[in-house]
C-alpha atoms as a PDB file:
ATOM      1  CA  MET A   1     109.322  40.279 -53.808  1.00  0.00           C
ATOM      2  CA  GLY A   2     109.477  36.794 -55.244  1.00  0.00           C
ATOM      3  CA  GLN A   3     112.935  36.128 -53.825  1.00  0.00           C
ATOM      4  CA  ALA A   4     111.764  33.400 -51.442  1.00  0.00           C
ATOM      5  CA  ILE A   5     112.295  30.958 -54.307  1.00  0.00           C
ATOM      6  CA  LEU A   6     116.025  31.473 -53.886  1.00  0.00           C
ATOM      7  CA  GLN A   7     115.829  29.503 -50.617  1.00  0.00           C
ATOM      8  CA  PRO A   8     115.243  26.142 -52.336  1.00  0.00           C
ATOM      9  CA  VAL A   9     117.930  27.083 -54.872  1.00  0.00           C
ATOM     10  CA  ILE A  10     120.493  27.522 -52.107  1.00  0.00           C
ATOM     11  CA  ALA A  11     119.189  24.401 -50.328  1.00  0.00           C
ATOM     12  CA  LEU A  12     119.897  22.311 -53.453  1.00  0.00           C
ATOM     13  CA  VAL A  13     123.317  23.929 -53.883  1.00  0.00           C
ATOM     14  CA  LEU A  14     124.148  23.050 -50.270  1.00  0.00           C
ATOM     15  CA  TRP A  15     122.818  19.511 -50.748  1.00  0.00           C
ATOM     16  CA  SER A  16     125.093  19.188 -53.795  1.00  0.00           C
ATOM     17  CA  MET A  17     128.025  20.145 -51.565  1.00  0.00           C
ATOM     18  CA  VAL A  18     126.947  17.478 -49.037  1.00  0.00           C
ATOM     19  CA  MET A  19     127.038  14.906 -51.829  1.00  0.00           C
ATOM     20  CA  TRP A  20     130.438  16.234 -52.949  1.00  0.00           C
ATOM     21  CA  GLY A  21     131.777  15.741 -49.421  1.00  0.00           C
ATOM     22  CA  TRP A  22     130.217  12.284 -49.158  1.00  0.00           C
ATOM     23  CA  LEU A  23     131.710  11.366 -52.525  1.00  0.00           C
ATOM     24  CA  TYR A  24     135.249  12.159 -51.395  1.00  0.00           C
ATOM     25  CA  ALA A  25     134.785  10.806 -47.867  1.00  0.00           C
ATOM     26  CA  THR A  26     134.067   7.415 -49.437  1.00  0.00           C
ATOM     27  CA  ARG A  27     136.154   7.598 -52.624  1.00  0.00           C
ATOM     28  CA  LEU A  28     139.537   8.558 -51.190  1.00  0.00           C
ATOM     29  CA  PRO A  29     139.681   5.743 -48.601  1.00  0.00           C
ATOM     30  CA  ALA A  30     138.415   3.257 -51.221  1.00  0.00           C
ATOM     31  CA  MET A  31     141.099   4.405 -53.660  1.00  0.00           C
ATOM     32  CA  ALA A  32     143.742   3.927 -50.968  1.00  0.00           C
ATOM     33  CA  ARG A  33     142.448   0.415 -50.157  1.00  0.00           C
ATOM     34  CA  ALA A  34     142.365  -0.499 -53.861  1.00  0.00           C
ATOM     35  CA  ARG A  35     145.796   1.095 -54.421  1.00  0.00           C
ATOM     36  CA  THR A  36     144.326   2.956 -57.383  1.00  0.00           C
ATOM     37  CA  LYS A  37     147.028   4.278 -59.681  1.00  0.00           C
ATOM     38  CA  LEU A  38     146.265   7.734 -61.019  1.00  0.00           C
ATOM     39  CA  ASP A  39     146.863   7.597 -64.750  1.00  0.00           C
ATOM     40  CA  PRO A  40     145.883  10.673 -66.777  1.00  0.00           C
ATOM     41  CA  ALA A  41     145.847   8.530 -69.928  1.00  0.00           C
ATOM     42  CA  LEU A  42     142.893   6.495 -68.617  1.00  0.00           C
ATOM     43  CA  PRO A  43     139.272   7.660 -68.620  1.00  0.00           C
ATOM     44  CA  GLY A  44     137.978   8.153 -65.086  1.00  0.00           C
ATOM     45  CA  ASP A  45     135.519   5.258 -65.277  1.00  0.00           C
ATOM     46  CA  VAL A  46     138.341   2.898 -66.266  1.00  0.00           C
ATOM     47  CA  MET A  47     140.774   4.188 -63.657  1.00  0.00           C
ATOM     48  CA  LEU A  48     138.157   4.056 -60.884  1.00  0.00           C
ATOM     49  CA  GLY A  49     136.407   0.928 -62.185  1.00  0.00           C
ATOM     50  CA  ASP A  50     137.799  -1.236 -59.382  1.00  0.00           C
ATOM     51  CA  LEU A  51     136.077   0.811 -56.696  1.00  0.00           C
ATOM     52  CA  PRO A  52     133.045  -0.803 -55.061  1.00  0.00           C
ATOM     53  CA  PRO A  53     129.655   0.164 -56.509  1.00  0.00           C
ATOM     54  CA  ARG A  54     128.575   1.702 -53.173  1.00  0.00           C
ATOM     55  CA  VAL A  55     131.464   4.140 -53.545  1.00  0.00           C
ATOM     56  CA  ARG A  56     130.781   4.916 -57.207  1.00  0.00           C
ATOM     57  CA  TRP A  57     127.067   5.580 -56.519  1.00  0.00           C
ATOM     58  CA  LYS A  58     127.934   8.778 -54.630  1.00  0.00           C
ATOM     59  CA  ALA A  59     129.991  10.092 -57.542  1.00  0.00           C
ATOM     60  CA  ASP A  60     127.249   9.149 -60.000  1.00  0.00           C
ATOM     61  CA  ASN A  61     124.735  11.066 -57.937  1.00  0.00           C
ATOM     62  CA  TYR A  62     126.963  14.122 -57.618  1.00  0.00           C
ATOM     63  CA  ASN A  63     127.239  14.126 -61.419  1.00  0.00           C
ATOM     64  CA  HIS A  64     123.448  13.886 -61.677  1.00  0.00           C
ATOM     65  CA  LEU A  65     123.163  16.943 -59.425  1.00  0.00           C
ATOM     66  CA  MET A  66     125.230  18.860 -61.985  1.00  0.00           C
ATOM     67  CA  GLU A  67     122.844  17.970 -64.817  1.00  0.00           C
ATOM     68  CA  GLN A  68     119.056  18.558 -64.637  1.00  0.00           C
ATOM     69  CA  PRO A  69     119.186  20.820 -61.563  1.00  0.00           C
ATOM     70  CA  THR A  70     120.939  23.450 -63.671  1.00  0.00           C
ATOM     71  CA  LEU A  71     117.586  23.905 -65.439  1.00  0.00           C
ATOM     72  CA  PHE A  72     115.949  24.271 -62.030  1.00  0.00           C
ATOM     73  CA  TYR A  73     118.441  26.961 -61.041  1.00  0.00           C
ATOM     74  CA  ALA A  74     117.813  28.950 -64.221  1.00  0.00           C
ATOM     75  CA  THR A  75     114.054  28.599 -63.834  1.00  0.00           C
ATOM     76  CA  ALA A  76     114.016  29.613 -60.165  1.00  0.00           C
ATOM     77  CA  VAL A  77     116.319  32.593 -60.676  1.00  0.00           C
ATOM     78  CA  THR A  78     114.134  33.735 -63.571  1.00  0.00           C
ATOM     79  CA  LEU A  79     111.057  33.503 -61.350  1.00  0.00           C
ATOM     80  CA  ALA A  80     112.838  35.538 -58.670  1.00  0.00           C
ATOM     81  CA  LEU A  81     113.825  38.186 -61.222  1.00  0.00           C
ATOM     82  CA  VAL A  82     110.266  38.583 -62.501  1.00  0.00           C
ATOM     83  CA  GLY A  83     108.795  38.593 -58.987  1.00  0.00           C
ATOM     84  CA  GLN A  84     106.998  35.252 -59.337  1.00  0.00           C
ATOM     85  CA  GLY A  85     108.918  33.232 -56.751  1.00  0.00           C
ATOM     86  CA  GLU A  86     106.132  32.887 -54.192  1.00  0.00           C
ATOM     87  CA  GLN A  87     103.030  30.765 -53.604  1.00  0.00           C
ATOM     88  CA  LEU A  88     102.649  27.777 -55.942  1.00  0.00           C
ATOM     89  CA  ASN A  89     105.997  28.347 -57.640  1.00  0.00           C
ATOM     90  CA  LEU A  90     107.726  28.305 -54.260  1.00  0.00           C
ATOM     91  CA  TRP A  91     105.945  25.086 -53.282  1.00  0.00           C
ATOM     92  CA  LEU A  92     106.939  23.499 -56.593  1.00  0.00           C
ATOM     93  CA  ALA A  93     110.550  24.554 -56.074  1.00  0.00           C
ATOM     94  CA  TRP A  94     110.648  22.998 -52.607  1.00  0.00           C
ATOM     95  CA  ALA A  95     108.989  19.846 -53.971  1.00  0.00           C
ATOM     96  CA  TYR A  96     111.698  19.622 -56.635  1.00  0.00           C
ATOM     97  CA  VAL A  97     114.432  19.962 -54.014  1.00  0.00           C
ATOM     98  CA  ALA A  98     112.812  17.352 -51.759  1.00  0.00           C
ATOM     99  CA  LEU A  99     112.540  14.922 -54.668  1.00  0.00           C
ATOM    100  CA  ARG A 100     116.168  15.481 -55.698  1.00  0.00           C
ATOM    101  CA  VAL A 101     117.382  14.913 -52.133  1.00  0.00           C
ATOM    102  CA  THR A 102     115.279  11.743 -52.011  1.00  0.00           C
ATOM    103  CA  HIS A 103     116.764  10.671 -55.356  1.00  0.00           C
ATOM    104  CA  SER A 104     120.268  11.259 -53.968  1.00  0.00           C
ATOM    105  CA  LEU A 105     119.642   9.198 -50.856  1.00  0.00           C
ATOM    106  CA  ILE A 106     118.162   6.323 -52.845  1.00  0.00           C
ATOM    107  CA  GLN A 107     121.071   6.309 -55.276  1.00  0.00           C
ATOM    108  CA  ALA A 108     123.802   6.758 -52.668  1.00  0.00           C
ATOM    109  CA  LEU A 109     122.485   4.208 -50.181  1.00  0.00           C
ATOM    110  CA  VAL A 110     120.733   1.375 -52.051  1.00  0.00           C
ATOM    111  CA  ASN A 111     120.586   2.384 -55.731  1.00  0.00           C
ATOM    112  CA  ALA A 112     117.167   0.793 -56.235  1.00  0.00           C
ATOM    113  CA  ILE A 113     116.898   1.800 -59.881  1.00  0.00           C
ATOM    114  CA  PRO A 114     113.099   1.457 -60.400  1.00  0.00           C
ATOM    115  CA  VAL A 115     112.402   3.518 -57.268  1.00  0.00           C
ATOM    116  CA  ARG A 116     115.109   6.021 -58.131  1.00  0.00           C
ATOM    117  CA  PHE A 117     113.699   6.375 -61.647  1.00  0.00           C
ATOM    118  CA  ALA A 118     110.180   6.974 -60.310  1.00  0.00           C
ATOM    119  CA  VAL A 119     111.482   9.732 -58.030  1.00  0.00           C
ATOM    120  CA  PHE A 120     113.491  11.199 -60.921  1.00  0.00           C
ATOM    121  CA  MET A 121     110.389  11.230 -63.124  1.00  0.00           C
ATOM    122  CA  ALA A 122     108.322  12.896 -60.395  1.00  0.00           C
ATOM    123  CA  ALA A 123     111.012  15.578 -60.013  1.00  0.00           C
ATOM    124  CA  SER A 124     111.114  16.015 -63.785  1.00  0.00           C
ATOM    125  CA  VAL A 125     107.347  16.553 -63.938  1.00  0.00           C
ATOM    126  CA  VAL A 126     107.589  19.149 -61.163  1.00  0.00           C
ATOM    127  CA  LEU A 127     110.378  20.897 -63.079  1.00  0.00           C
ATOM    128  CA  ILE A 128     108.360  20.844 -66.304  1.00  0.00           C
ATOM    129  CA  VAL A 129     105.398  22.448 -64.523  1.00  0.00           C
ATOM    130  CA  LEU A 130     107.701  25.044 -62.988  1.00  0.00           C
ATOM    131  CA  ALA A 131     109.313  25.752 -66.373  1.00  0.00           C
ATOM    132  CA  VAL A 132     105.938  26.154 -68.076  1.00  0.00           C
ATOM    133  CA  ARG A 133     104.780  28.505 -65.315  1.00  0.00           C
ATOM    134  CA  THR A 134     108.021  30.467 -65.775  1.00  0.00           C
ATOM    135  CA  ALA A 135     107.473  30.683 -69.527  1.00  0.00           C
ATOM    136  CA  ILE A 136     103.959  32.026 -68.934  1.00  0.00           C
ATOM    137  CA  ALA A 137     105.329  34.624 -66.491  1.00  0.00           C
ATOM    138  CA  VAL A 138     108.064  35.731 -68.870  1.00  0.00           C
ATOM    139  CA  LEU A 139     106.275  35.607 -72.221  1.00  0.00           C
END
């Protein structure tokens, strides 16, 4: 009971792997074209700074998927463990995933920062509501 909320968790994990694949499918050919020299003494942003922005956007988004969504994962797993991963909490979890996928597509394709920020804020509000509902269920 309450384990349905693990479906959006796995969906976001799989989406993160899609972005990882997209990142390397664009980065490796761009590095070859730019004849990027791999120098462990340089920070990654300096070493890869010559890559086109459209290539770097995918990596930026993959990094973003390793940040705030970790709070989502902890929240959703907690809800599953306490049997509260159904109904409104499940809808909120799917809304969060949909917003994060939308954020990814905006950033990876056009990087329209005001639109991307609005989607990020909407996802953040959904996560805050989900976290508060989790706190109520646990405390």
